[in-house]
Amino acid sequence: MTEAHFSATPAKIGVILLTLVLLFAMLFLQDPKIVAFLCFSSLITAMLHFNVFESTTDANPLNRIDLTLQIIFLVTSIGRAFILGGN
């Protein structure tokens, strides 16, 4: 499998910034309803990653950074929603 290199675009940078803002909001907010909404939004941003970034074989560091952030956001938000929902 060959690696491709796609250029950075404002949409790619926007997806990373959106994910970071939602991740920090999920970590610092205490309302279970908002955390549940952010848990659902982690699924939407994961889907957005695959719509904005052309390929997972992209050698651009933005691709790998965003994919890692998406996985962290998804796993953390599910765990946090279960923890806050159980109280």
C-alpha atoms as a PDB file:
ATOM      1  CA  MET A   1       0.000   0.000   0.000  1.00  0.00           C
ATOM      2  CA  THR A   2       1.505   3.313  -1.043  1.00  0.00           C
ATOM      3  CA  GLU A   3       1.265   6.456   1.028  1.00  0.00           C
ATOM      4  CA  ALA A   4      -0.367   9.503  -0.476  1.00  0.00           C
ATOM      5  CA  HIS A   5       0.203  13.075   0.579  1.00  0.00           C
ATOM      6  CA  PHE A   6      -2.732  15.467   0.399  1.00  0.00           C
ATOM      7  CA  SER A   7      -2.384  19.140   1.219  1.00  0.00           C
ATOM      8  CA  ALA A   8      -3.851  20.782   4.296  1.00  0.00           C
ATOM      9  CA  THR A   9      -7.080  22.671   3.749  1.00  0.00           C
ATOM     10  CA  PRO A  10      -9.117  24.984   5.989  1.00  0.00           C
ATOM     11  CA  ALA A  11     -11.743  22.236   6.353  1.00  0.00           C
ATOM     12  CA  LYS A  12      -9.145  19.815   7.748  1.00  0.00           C
ATOM     13  CA  ILE A  13      -7.891  22.378  10.232  1.00  0.00           C
ATOM     14  CA  GLY A  14     -11.497  23.210  11.143  1.00  0.00           C
ATOM     15  CA  VAL A  15     -12.302  19.569  11.919  1.00  0.00           C
ATOM     16  CA  ILE A  16      -9.318  19.363  14.271  1.00  0.00           C
ATOM     17  CA  LEU A  17     -10.276  22.606  16.023  1.00  0.00           C
ATOM     18  CA  LEU A  18     -13.921  21.516  16.341  1.00  0.00           C
ATOM     19  CA  THR A  19     -12.852  18.193  17.826  1.00  0.00           C
ATOM     20  CA  LEU A  20     -10.538  19.883  20.326  1.00  0.00           C
ATOM     21  CA  VAL A  21     -13.235  22.331  21.445  1.00  0.00           C
ATOM     22  CA  LEU A  22     -15.799  19.550  21.892  1.00  0.00           C
ATOM     23  CA  LEU A  23     -13.265  17.319  23.669  1.00  0.00           C
ATOM     24  CA  PHE A  24     -12.363  20.019  26.203  1.00  0.00           C
ATOM     25  CA  ALA A  25     -16.043  20.873  26.696  1.00  0.00           C
ATOM     26  CA  MET A  26     -16.794  17.212  27.376  1.00  0.00           C
ATOM     27  CA  LEU A  27     -13.948  16.983  29.893  1.00  0.00           C
ATOM     28  CA  PHE A  28     -14.855  20.109  31.872  1.00  0.00           C
ATOM     29  CA  LEU A  29     -18.669  20.198  31.829  1.00  0.00           C
ATOM     30  CA  GLN A  30     -20.557  18.310  34.542  1.00  0.00           C
ATOM     31  CA  ASP A  31     -24.141  18.258  33.203  1.00  0.00           C
ATOM     32  CA  PRO A  32     -24.999  14.665  32.168  1.00  0.00           C
ATOM     33  CA  LYS A  33     -27.310  15.840  29.372  1.00  0.00           C
ATOM     34  CA  ILE A  34     -24.617  17.965  27.775  1.00  0.00           C
ATOM     35  CA  VAL A  35     -22.067  15.176  28.131  1.00  0.00           C
ATOM     36  CA  ALA A  36     -24.516  12.765  26.481  1.00  0.00           C
ATOM     37  CA  PHE A  37     -24.958  15.226  23.621  1.00  0.00           C
ATOM     38  CA  LEU A  38     -21.166  15.529  23.295  1.00  0.00           C
ATOM     39  CA  CYS A  39     -20.916  11.743  23.310  1.00  0.00           C
ATOM     40  CA  PHE A  40     -23.250  11.680  20.319  1.00  0.00           C
ATOM     41  CA  SER A  41     -21.300  14.506  18.692  1.00  0.00           C
ATOM     42  CA  SER A  42     -18.130  12.396  18.939  1.00  0.00           C
ATOM     43  CA  LEU A  43     -19.731   9.976  16.501  1.00  0.00           C
ATOM     44  CA  ILE A  44     -20.593  12.839  14.178  1.00  0.00           C
ATOM     45  CA  THR A  45     -17.067  14.258  14.234  1.00  0.00           C
ATOM     46  CA  ALA A  46     -15.644  10.782  13.567  1.00  0.00           C
ATOM     47  CA  MET A  47     -17.866  10.588  10.494  1.00  0.00           C
ATOM     48  CA  LEU A  48     -16.800  14.112   9.566  1.00  0.00           C
ATOM     49  CA  HIS A  49     -13.157  13.024   9.699  1.00  0.00           C
ATOM     50  CA  PHE A  50     -13.753  10.412   7.012  1.00  0.00           C
ATOM     51  CA  ASN A  51     -15.671  12.904   4.872  1.00  0.00           C
ATOM     52  CA  VAL A  52     -13.019  15.642   5.026  1.00  0.00           C
ATOM     53  CA  PHE A  53      -9.805  13.629   4.900  1.00  0.00           C
ATOM     54  CA  GLU A  54      -9.362  11.879   1.568  1.00  0.00           C
ATOM     55  CA  SER A  55      -7.664   8.669   2.679  1.00  0.00           C
ATOM     56  CA  THR A  56      -6.284   6.946   5.754  1.00  0.00           C
ATOM     57  CA  THR A  57      -3.059   6.349   3.810  1.00  0.00           C
ATOM     58  CA  ASP A  58      -2.438  10.101   3.782  1.00  0.00           C
ATOM     59  CA  ALA A  59       1.058  10.895   5.081  1.00  0.00           C
ATOM     60  CA  ASN A  60       0.000  14.399   6.141  1.00  0.00           C
ATOM     61  CA  PRO A  61       0.411  14.692   9.937  1.00  0.00           C
ATOM     62  CA  LEU A  62      -3.002  16.388  10.201  1.00  0.00           C
ATOM     63  CA  ASN A  63      -4.661  13.134   9.171  1.00  0.00           C
ATOM     64  CA  ARG A  64      -2.992  11.071  11.863  1.00  0.00           C
ATOM     65  CA  ILE A  65      -3.415  13.749  14.532  1.00  0.00           C
ATOM     66  CA  ASP A  66      -7.121  14.092  13.812  1.00  0.00           C
ATOM     67  CA  LEU A  67      -7.732  10.340  13.665  1.00  0.00           C
ATOM     68  CA  THR A  68      -6.019   9.946  17.036  1.00  0.00           C
ATOM     69  CA  LEU A  69      -8.067  12.813  18.482  1.00  0.00           C
ATOM     70  CA  GLN A  70     -11.270  11.265  17.130  1.00  0.00           C
ATOM     71  CA  ILE A  71     -10.540   7.933  18.803  1.00  0.00           C
ATOM     72  CA  ILE A  72      -9.622   9.623  22.101  1.00  0.00           C
ATOM     73  CA  PHE A  73     -12.771  11.782  21.933  1.00  0.00           C
ATOM     74  CA  LEU A  74     -14.999   8.799  21.170  1.00  0.00           C
ATOM     75  CA  VAL A  75     -13.668   6.503  23.900  1.00  0.00           C
ATOM     76  CA  THR A  76     -13.433   9.237  26.531  1.00  0.00           C
ATOM     77  CA  SER A  77     -16.899  10.602  25.854  1.00  0.00           C
ATOM     78  CA  ILE A  78     -18.525   7.163  26.081  1.00  0.00           C
ATOM     79  CA  GLY A  79     -16.744   6.474  29.362  1.00  0.00           C
ATOM     80  CA  ARG A  80     -17.595   9.869  30.786  1.00  0.00           C
ATOM     81  CA  ALA A  81     -21.262   9.551  29.739  1.00  0.00           C
ATOM     82  CA  PHE A  82     -21.499   6.211  31.549  1.00  0.00           C
ATOM     83  CA  ILE A  83     -19.814   7.608  34.661  1.00  0.00           C
ATOM     84  CA  LEU A  84     -22.011  10.718  34.857  1.00  0.00           C
ATOM     85  CA  GLY A  85     -25.128   8.801  33.854  1.00  0.00           C
ATOM     86  CA  GLY A  86     -24.634   6.270  36.635  1.00  0.00           C
ATOM     87  CA  ASN A  87     -24.784   8.862  39.390  1.00  0.00           C
END
